[in-house]
Protein backbone atom coordinates (compact mmCIF):
# COMPACT_ATOMS: atom_id res chain seq x y z
CA MET A 1 1.85 -22.16 20.37
CA GLN A 2 1.89 -25.35 22.41
CA ALA A 3 -0.38 -26.28 25.30
CA ILE A 4 -0.26 -28.62 28.26
CA ILE A 5 -3.79 -29.37 29.42
CA GLU A 6 -4.37 -30.73 32.92
CA PHE A 7 -7.54 -31.31 34.89
CA ILE A 8 -8.42 -32.53 38.35
CA PRO A 9 -8.50 -36.33 38.55
CA ASP A 10 -11.77 -38.24 38.90
CA ASP A 11 -13.98 -35.34 37.81
CA ALA A 12 -15.93 -35.96 34.62
CA GLU A 13 -16.95 -32.33 34.24
CA ALA A 14 -13.36 -31.05 34.48
CA SER A 15 -12.22 -33.73 32.03
CA ARG A 16 -14.97 -32.79 29.58
CA ALA A 17 -14.20 -29.07 29.94
CA ALA A 18 -10.50 -29.74 29.31
CA GLY A 19 -11.43 -31.70 26.20
CA ASN A 20 -13.57 -28.84 24.94
CA ILE A 21 -10.74 -26.36 25.47
CA GLY A 22 -8.43 -28.75 23.62
CA LEU A 23 -10.78 -28.83 20.63
CA VAL A 24 -10.96 -25.04 20.49
CA ILE A 25 -7.23 -24.44 20.69
CA LYS A 26 -6.50 -27.18 18.13
CA GLU A 27 -8.85 -25.36 15.74
CA ALA A 28 -6.83 -22.21 16.44
CA GLY A 29 -3.67 -24.04 15.31
CA TRP A 30 -2.16 -24.81 18.71
CA ASN A 31 -0.37 -28.09 19.36
CA ILE A 32 -1.37 -30.06 22.48
CA VAL A 33 1.81 -31.66 23.83
CA SER A 34 0.23 -33.18 26.94
CA PHE A 35 -3.32 -33.91 28.11
CA GLY A 36 -4.29 -35.64 31.33
CA PRO A 37 -5.27 -35.51 34.99
CA ASN A 38 -3.06 -33.78 37.55
CA PRO A 39 -3.86 -33.20 41.24
CA LYS A 40 -2.24 -29.74 40.98
CA ALA A 41 -5.21 -28.59 38.88
CA ASP A 42 -7.13 -28.11 42.09
CA GLY A 43 -8.47 -24.56 41.93
CA ASP A 44 -11.83 -23.29 40.75
CA GLY A 45 -12.33 -22.63 37.07
CA VAL A 46 -9.55 -22.53 34.49
CA THR A 47 -6.04 -21.20 35.08
CA VAL A 48 -3.89 -20.49 32.03
CA GLU A 49 -0.23 -20.33 33.03
CA GLN A 50 2.35 -18.57 30.92
CA TYR A 51 5.94 -19.65 30.40
CA LEU A 52 8.65 -18.11 32.58
CA ALA A 53 12.27 -18.36 31.44
CA PRO A 54 14.70 -20.05 33.88
CA LYS A 55 16.79 -16.86 34.15
CA PRO A 56 15.08 -13.48 33.78
CA SER A 57 17.46 -11.70 31.39
CA GLY A 58 18.07 -11.05 27.74
CA GLU A 59 15.94 -10.11 24.77
CA ALA A 60 15.08 -13.72 23.89
CA PHE A 61 13.79 -14.17 27.42
CA PHE A 62 11.44 -11.20 27.13
CA GLY A 63 10.25 -12.27 23.67
CA GLU A 64 9.53 -15.85 24.74
CA GLU A 65 7.72 -14.79 27.90
CA ARG A 66 5.75 -12.10 26.07
CA LYS A 67 4.59 -14.55 23.39
CA SER A 68 3.38 -16.98 26.04
CA GLN A 69 1.75 -14.18 28.05
CA GLU A 70 -0.11 -12.89 24.99
CA ALA A 71 -1.37 -16.39 24.18
CA ALA A 72 -2.47 -16.93 27.80
CA SER A 73 -4.27 -13.57 27.84
CA ALA A 74 -6.03 -14.28 24.54
CA LEU A 75 -7.23 -17.68 25.76
CA VAL A 76 -8.47 -16.26 29.09
CA GLU A 77 -10.27 -13.49 27.23
CA PHE A 78 -11.90 -16.04 24.91
CA LEU A 79 -12.99 -18.25 27.80
CA GLU A 80 -14.39 -15.32 29.77
CA SER A 81 -16.29 -14.08 26.72
CA ASN A 82 -17.96 -17.50 26.67
CA ARG A 83 -18.88 -17.25 30.37
CA TRP A 84 -16.11 -19.48 31.71
CA GLU A 85 -14.39 -18.63 34.98
CA ALA A 86 -10.78 -18.16 33.86
CA GLN A 87 -7.63 -16.43 35.06
CA GLU A 88 -4.01 -16.04 34.10
CA GLY A 89 -1.18 -17.51 36.11
CA PHE A 90 2.52 -18.24 35.88
CA ALA A 91 4.45 -21.47 35.60
CA SER A 92 7.58 -21.81 37.70
CA ARG A 93 11.06 -20.66 36.77
CA ALA A 94 12.41 -23.61 38.77
CA PRO A 95 12.89 -26.86 36.86
CA ILE A 96 10.43 -28.72 39.08
CA ASP A 97 7.21 -27.18 37.74
CA ALA A 98 8.48 -25.29 34.68
CA ILE A 99 7.04 -25.54 31.19
CA PRO A 100 8.88 -25.25 27.84
CA SER A 101 9.09 -21.96 25.96
CA ASN A 102 6.34 -21.33 23.39
CA THR A 103 3.93 -23.13 25.74
CA VAL A 104 1.04 -22.38 28.07
CA ARG A 105 -0.28 -24.74 30.72
CA ILE A 106 -4.05 -24.93 31.11
CA ARG A 107 -5.30 -26.27 34.43
CA VAL A 108 -8.99 -27.06 34.68
CA GLY A 109 -10.34 -27.27 38.21
CA LEU A 110 -13.80 -27.47 39.68
CA GLU A 111 -16.58 -25.44 38.16
CA SER A 112 -16.86 -22.35 40.30
CA SER A 113 -20.18 -21.26 41.71
CA PRO A 114 -20.27 -17.45 41.82
CA PHE A 115 -23.72 -17.63 43.42
CA PHE A 116 -22.04 -18.35 46.75
CA ASP A 117 -19.28 -15.73 46.37
CA PRO A 118 -19.43 -12.97 48.99
CA GLU A 119 -20.25 -9.52 47.64
CA TRP A 120 -16.65 -8.31 48.06
CA VAL A 121 -15.39 -11.16 45.84
CA LYS A 122 -17.92 -10.27 43.12
CA GLU A 123 -16.83 -6.62 43.32
CA LEU A 124 -13.15 -7.60 43.12
CA LYS A 125 -13.77 -9.76 40.05
CA GLN A 126 -15.68 -6.93 38.36
CA ARG A 127 -12.93 -4.42 39.18
CA SER A 128 -10.28 -6.79 37.83
CA LYS A 129 -12.25 -7.17 34.60
CA GLU A 130 -12.54 -3.38 34.24
CA ILE A 131 -8.80 -2.92 34.77
CA ARG A 132 -7.97 -5.55 32.13
CA GLU A 133 -10.31 -3.78 29.68
CA ARG A 134 -8.61 -0.44 30.36
CA ILE A 135 -5.17 -1.98 29.86
CA LYS A 136 -6.25 -3.46 26.51
CA THR A 137 -7.47 -0.09 25.24
CA THR A 138 -4.43 1.88 26.45
CA PRO A 139 -2.17 2.81 23.51
CA LYS A 140 1.18 1.06 23.56
CA ASN A 141 4.44 2.91 23.01
CA PRO A 142 6.11 1.91 19.73
């Protein structure tokens, strides 16, 4: 798997966090093809974007997207298990913001502060986590 790692410019904490993620995924055997600041990494926490094929059709398309999605999910799960605020996202199918196949894009934004989250946001995050856990334990059809 390949990774593009981006972080918000002029933020030492985001840069350091991106570097730490880079070290972890290198140890896991991933190849970092790009590392640097990008103003588009402007959200809270870490967003791991999966590859989307330019045209949604064909078996190769589903295989390439699935491989990227599984890698993105595994990385988000790892980050969350280490108390990072992380979520999955999607790269663009359009050439402007697309990423290559066999790649995930990791965008590191500001450190989120859940202390200030309204109660409904905390409940939504907890519910989302429970749903992801249920999906992981649901048997897959062969």
